[in-house]
Amino acid sequence: MATLRAAAPSDVAAIVGLIRELAAFEGLTHLVEVTPQSLHPQLFGEQPAAEAVVAEHEAKVIGFALFFTNFSTFLGKPGLYLEDLYVQPAHRSGGVGRALLTHLAALANALLLLVACWPLALLALVLYPLVWLILLPFRLVGIAVGGVLELL
């Protein structure tokens, strides 16, 4: 089983590699501009724009979740927005994705957890109904046009 931990500066190159794998999986490699040099200050600079959690197996980063703090004006509460979650294919079906989501739900605690899913990712949520049980306290808001699913 993988272990989860907050990303460290030494993980930036691995995270960028996983972002490129995610883009290839989604057929969007032509949109990827991120580099280790451009991501580092966004995660570890003076005013980080985002945070990441990594999943490790045998000292290798095999997955990540990248998220940032948001704010709901309607509810008047802060929350966490999950931008991307990716687990390498060889490590799927072992609970790593579920563990990452559970970890984020625990970080969100009294906050809101917002998850945006592309249609391919919706299949994963359907196949892992326990994820829904973890996120149920955050209330299903709806499915928007374009296959974006918002869970609050």
C-alpha atoms as a PDB file:
ATOM      1  CA  MET A   1       0.000   0.000   0.000  1.00  0.00           C
ATOM      2  CA  ALA A   2       1.113   3.524  -0.678  1.00  0.00           C
ATOM      3  CA  THR A   3       1.894   6.055   2.011  1.00  0.00           C
ATOM      4  CA  LEU A   4       0.573   9.603   1.820  1.00  0.00           C
ATOM      5  CA  ARG A   5       2.355  12.760   2.854  1.00  0.00           C
ATOM      6  CA  ALA A   6       2.428  16.464   2.125  1.00  0.00           C
ATOM      7  CA  ALA A   7       4.484  17.197  -0.954  1.00  0.00           C
ATOM      8  CA  ALA A   8       8.020  18.480  -0.395  1.00  0.00           C
ATOM      9  CA  PRO A   9      10.104  20.675  -2.690  1.00  0.00           C
ATOM     10  CA  SER A  10      12.017  17.571  -3.754  1.00  0.00           C
ATOM     11  CA  ASP A  11       8.748  16.127  -5.167  1.00  0.00           C
ATOM     12  CA  VAL A  12       8.128  18.895  -7.705  1.00  0.00           C
ATOM     13  CA  ALA A  13       9.778  17.122 -10.653  1.00  0.00           C
ATOM     14  CA  ALA A  14       7.831  13.932  -9.911  1.00  0.00           C
ATOM     15  CA  ILE A  15       4.558  15.879  -9.642  1.00  0.00           C
ATOM     16  CA  VAL A  16       5.212  17.547 -13.000  1.00  0.00           C
ATOM     17  CA  GLY A  17       5.888  14.110 -14.477  1.00  0.00           C
ATOM     18  CA  LEU A  18       2.555  12.870 -13.129  1.00  0.00           C
ATOM     19  CA  ILE A  19       0.803  15.968 -14.482  1.00  0.00           C
ATOM     20  CA  ARG A  20       2.204  15.102 -17.911  1.00  0.00           C
ATOM     21  CA  GLU A  21       0.960  11.498 -17.525  1.00  0.00           C
ATOM     22  CA  LEU A  22      -2.478  12.815 -16.565  1.00  0.00           C
ATOM     23  CA  ALA A  23      -2.508  15.097 -19.605  1.00  0.00           C
ATOM     24  CA  ALA A  24      -1.573  12.176 -21.865  1.00  0.00           C
ATOM     25  CA  PHE A  25      -4.364  10.067 -20.303  1.00  0.00           C
ATOM     26  CA  GLU A  26      -6.845  12.856 -21.033  1.00  0.00           C
ATOM     27  CA  GLY A  27      -5.436  13.569 -24.511  1.00  0.00           C
ATOM     28  CA  LEU A  28      -4.418  17.084 -23.482  1.00  0.00           C
ATOM     29  CA  THR A  29      -0.617  17.055 -23.712  1.00  0.00           C
ATOM     30  CA  HIS A  30      -0.758  19.990 -26.121  1.00  0.00           C
ATOM     31  CA  LEU A  31      -2.030  22.163 -23.240  1.00  0.00           C
ATOM     32  CA  VAL A  32       0.685  21.343 -20.702  1.00  0.00           C
ATOM     33  CA  GLU A  33       3.075  24.210 -20.012  1.00  0.00           C
ATOM     34  CA  VAL A  34       4.020  23.461 -16.409  1.00  0.00           C
ATOM     35  CA  THR A  35       7.662  22.816 -15.560  1.00  0.00           C
ATOM     36  CA  PRO A  36       9.348  22.095 -12.245  1.00  0.00           C
ATOM     37  CA  GLN A  37      10.620  25.674 -12.301  1.00  0.00           C
ATOM     38  CA  SER A  38       7.139  27.146 -12.790  1.00  0.00           C
ATOM     39  CA  LEU A  39       5.393  24.831 -10.295  1.00  0.00           C
ATOM     40  CA  HIS A  40       7.889  25.143  -7.438  1.00  0.00           C
ATOM     41  CA  PRO A  41       7.009  28.731  -6.422  1.00  0.00           C
ATOM     42  CA  GLN A  42       3.293  27.965  -6.736  1.00  0.00           C
ATOM     43  CA  LEU A  43       3.612  25.187  -4.139  1.00  0.00           C
ATOM     44  CA  PHE A  44       6.523  26.398  -2.001  1.00  0.00           C
ATOM     45  CA  GLY A  45       7.035  30.115  -2.656  1.00  0.00           C
ATOM     46  CA  GLU A  46       6.357  33.042  -0.328  1.00  0.00           C
ATOM     47  CA  GLN A  47       2.641  32.975  -1.158  1.00  0.00           C
ATOM     48  CA  PRO A  48       1.828  29.445  -2.363  1.00  0.00           C
ATOM     49  CA  ALA A  49      -1.169  29.245  -4.689  1.00  0.00           C
ATOM     50  CA  ALA A  50      -1.769  25.534  -4.075  1.00  0.00           C
ATOM     51  CA  GLU A  51      -0.787  22.513  -1.992  1.00  0.00           C
ATOM     52  CA  ALA A  52      -0.187  18.902  -2.900  1.00  0.00           C
ATOM     53  CA  VAL A  53      -0.287  15.514  -1.244  1.00  0.00           C
ATOM     54  CA  VAL A  54       1.727  12.690  -2.767  1.00  0.00           C
ATOM     55  CA  ALA A  55       1.313   8.938  -2.621  1.00  0.00           C
ATOM     56  CA  GLU A  56       4.547   6.945  -2.413  1.00  0.00           C
ATOM     57  CA  HIS A  57       5.242   3.288  -3.008  1.00  0.00           C
ATOM     58  CA  GLU A  58       8.738   1.906  -2.467  1.00  0.00           C
ATOM     59  CA  ALA A  59      10.177   5.446  -2.237  1.00  0.00           C
ATOM     60  CA  LYS A  60       8.648   6.462  -5.603  1.00  0.00           C
ATOM     61  CA  VAL A  61       5.892   9.053  -6.058  1.00  0.00           C
ATOM     62  CA  ILE A  62       3.037   7.197  -7.786  1.00  0.00           C
ATOM     63  CA  GLY A  63       0.172   9.657  -7.352  1.00  0.00           C
ATOM     64  CA  PHE A  64      -0.772  13.112  -6.214  1.00  0.00           C
ATOM     65  CA  ALA A  65      -3.647  15.389  -5.322  1.00  0.00           C
ATOM     66  CA  LEU A  66      -3.226  19.106  -5.968  1.00  0.00           C
ATOM     67  CA  PHE A  67      -5.653  21.439  -4.206  1.00  0.00           C
ATOM     68  CA  PHE A  68      -6.104  24.991  -2.998  1.00  0.00           C
ATOM     69  CA  THR A  69      -8.235  26.937  -0.559  1.00  0.00           C
ATOM     70  CA  ASN A  70     -11.392  28.524  -1.913  1.00  0.00           C
ATOM     71  CA  PHE A  71     -14.327  30.387  -0.402  1.00  0.00           C
ATOM     72  CA  SER A  72     -18.069  29.994  -0.862  1.00  0.00           C
ATOM     73  CA  THR A  73     -19.737  33.388  -0.815  1.00  0.00           C
ATOM     74  CA  PHE A  74     -23.196  31.803  -0.583  1.00  0.00           C
ATOM     75  CA  LEU A  75     -22.269  29.697   2.434  1.00  0.00           C
ATOM     76  CA  GLY A  76     -19.734  32.084   3.911  1.00  0.00           C
ATOM     77  CA  LYS A  77     -17.282  29.236   4.462  1.00  0.00           C
ATOM     78  CA  PRO A  78     -13.790  28.373   3.261  1.00  0.00           C
ATOM     79  CA  GLY A  79     -13.134  25.105   1.517  1.00  0.00           C
ATOM     80  CA  LEU A  80     -10.676  23.011  -0.432  1.00  0.00           C
ATOM     81  CA  TYR A  81     -10.861  22.738  -4.203  1.00  0.00           C
ATOM     82  CA  LEU A  82      -9.345  19.572  -5.625  1.00  0.00           C
ATOM     83  CA  GLU A  83      -7.762  20.606  -8.915  1.00  0.00           C
ATOM     84  CA  ASP A  84      -6.266  17.270  -9.919  1.00  0.00           C
ATOM     85  CA  LEU A  85      -5.883  13.774  -8.541  1.00  0.00           C
ATOM     86  CA  TYR A  86      -3.871  11.190 -10.437  1.00  0.00           C
ATOM     87  CA  VAL A  87      -2.559   7.701  -9.686  1.00  0.00           C
ATOM     88  CA  GLN A  88      -0.326   5.854 -12.118  1.00  0.00           C
ATOM     89  CA  PRO A  89      -2.147   3.000 -13.906  1.00  0.00           C
ATOM     90  CA  ALA A  90       0.035   0.278 -12.364  1.00  0.00           C
ATOM     91  CA  HIS A  91      -1.085   1.394  -8.889  1.00  0.00           C
ATOM     92  CA  ARG A  92      -4.799   1.817  -9.526  1.00  0.00           C
ATOM     93  CA  SER A  93      -7.454  -0.421  -7.961  1.00  0.00           C
ATOM     94  CA  GLY A  94      -5.406  -0.627  -4.781  1.00  0.00           C
ATOM     95  CA  GLY A  95      -7.163   2.131  -2.870  1.00  0.00           C
ATOM     96  CA  VAL A  96      -4.620   4.899  -3.511  1.00  0.00           C
ATOM     97  CA  GLY A  97      -7.145   7.259  -5.113  1.00  0.00           C
ATOM     98  CA  ARG A  98      -9.633   6.587  -2.341  1.00  0.00           C
ATOM     99  CA  ALA A  99      -6.914   7.209   0.261  1.00  0.00           C
ATOM    100  CA  LEU A 100      -6.045  10.543  -1.354  1.00  0.00           C
ATOM    101  CA  LEU A 101      -9.712  11.603  -1.353  1.00  0.00           C
ATOM    102  CA  THR A 102     -10.149  10.463   2.244  1.00  0.00           C
ATOM    103  CA  HIS A 103      -7.042  12.433   3.223  1.00  0.00           C
ATOM    104  CA  LEU A 104      -8.426  15.572   1.572  1.00  0.00           C
ATOM    105  CA  ALA A 105     -11.808  15.094   3.235  1.00  0.00           C
ATOM    106  CA  ALA A 106      -9.997  14.920   6.583  1.00  0.00           C
ATOM    107  CA  LEU A 107      -8.042  18.082   5.759  1.00  0.00           C
ATOM    108  CA  ALA A 108     -11.273  19.821   4.796  1.00  0.00           C
ATOM    109  CA  ASN A 109     -12.837  18.732   8.124  1.00  0.00           C
ATOM    110  CA  ALA A 110     -15.339  21.519   8.782  1.00  0.00           C
ATOM    111  CA  LEU A 111     -14.530  23.106   5.451  1.00  0.00           C
ATOM    112  CA  LEU A 112     -16.135  22.299   2.123  1.00  0.00           C
ATOM    113  CA  LEU A 113     -14.485  19.959  -0.363  1.00  0.00           C
ATOM    114  CA  LEU A 114     -15.122  20.824  -4.002  1.00  0.00           C
ATOM    115  CA  VAL A 115     -14.248  18.205  -6.610  1.00  0.00           C
ATOM    116  CA  ALA A 116     -14.422  18.806 -10.348  1.00  0.00           C
ATOM    117  CA  CYS A 117     -14.496  15.633 -12.438  1.00  0.00           C
ATOM    118  CA  TRP A 118     -14.087  15.219 -16.151  1.00  0.00           C
ATOM    119  CA  PRO A 119     -16.278  12.494 -17.682  1.00  0.00           C
ATOM    120  CA  LEU A 120     -13.470   9.903 -17.563  1.00  0.00           C
ATOM    121  CA  ALA A 121     -13.028  10.520 -13.844  1.00  0.00           C
ATOM    122  CA  LEU A 122     -16.754  10.163 -13.194  1.00  0.00           C
ATOM    123  CA  LEU A 123     -16.388   6.486 -14.077  1.00  0.00           C
ATOM    124  CA  ALA A 124     -13.850   6.102 -11.260  1.00  0.00           C
ATOM    125  CA  LEU A 125     -16.279   7.649  -8.778  1.00  0.00           C
ATOM    126  CA  VAL A 126     -19.022   5.310  -9.942  1.00  0.00           C
ATOM    127  CA  LEU A 127     -16.703   2.333  -9.520  1.00  0.00           C
ATOM    128  CA  TYR A 128     -15.729   3.425  -5.999  1.00  0.00           C
ATOM    129  CA  PRO A 129     -19.023   3.990  -4.162  1.00  0.00           C
ATOM    130  CA  LEU A 130     -17.242   4.240  -0.812  1.00  0.00           C
ATOM    131  CA  VAL A 131     -15.836   7.575  -1.992  1.00  0.00           C
ATOM    132  CA  TRP A 132     -19.395   8.856  -2.098  1.00  0.00           C
ATOM    133  CA  LEU A 133     -19.923   7.791   1.505  1.00  0.00           C
ATOM    134  CA  ILE A 134     -16.874   9.768   2.552  1.00  0.00           C
ATOM    135  CA  LEU A 135     -18.055  12.854   0.698  1.00  0.00           C
ATOM    136  CA  LEU A 136     -21.772  12.662   1.511  1.00  0.00           C
ATOM    137  CA  PRO A 137     -21.479  15.160   4.370  1.00  0.00           C
ATOM    138  CA  PHE A 138     -20.330  17.661   1.765  1.00  0.00           C
ATOM    139  CA  ARG A 139     -23.691  17.503  -0.114  1.00  0.00           C
ATOM    140  CA  LEU A 140     -24.046  16.800  -3.836  1.00  0.00           C
ATOM    141  CA  VAL A 141     -24.662  20.096  -5.612  1.00  0.00           C
ATOM    142  CA  GLY A 142     -25.174  18.864  -9.148  1.00  0.00           C
ATOM    143  CA  ILE A 143     -23.696  18.046 -12.511  1.00  0.00           C
ATOM    144  CA  ALA A 144     -22.881  21.059 -14.625  1.00  0.00           C
ATOM    145  CA  VAL A 145     -22.664  21.239 -18.400  1.00  0.00           C
ATOM    146  CA  GLY A 146     -19.427  19.722 -19.708  1.00  0.00           C
ATOM    147  CA  GLY A 147     -19.368  16.855 -17.239  1.00  0.00           C
ATOM    148  CA  VAL A 148     -18.143  18.869 -14.250  1.00  0.00           C
ATOM    149  CA  LEU A 149     -19.404  17.368 -11.004  1.00  0.00           C
ATOM    150  CA  GLU A 150     -19.417  19.536  -7.914  1.00  0.00           C
ATOM    151  CA  LEU A 151     -19.571  18.022  -4.458  1.00  0.00           C
ATOM    152  CA  LEU A 152     -19.970  20.362  -1.506  1.00  0.00           C
END
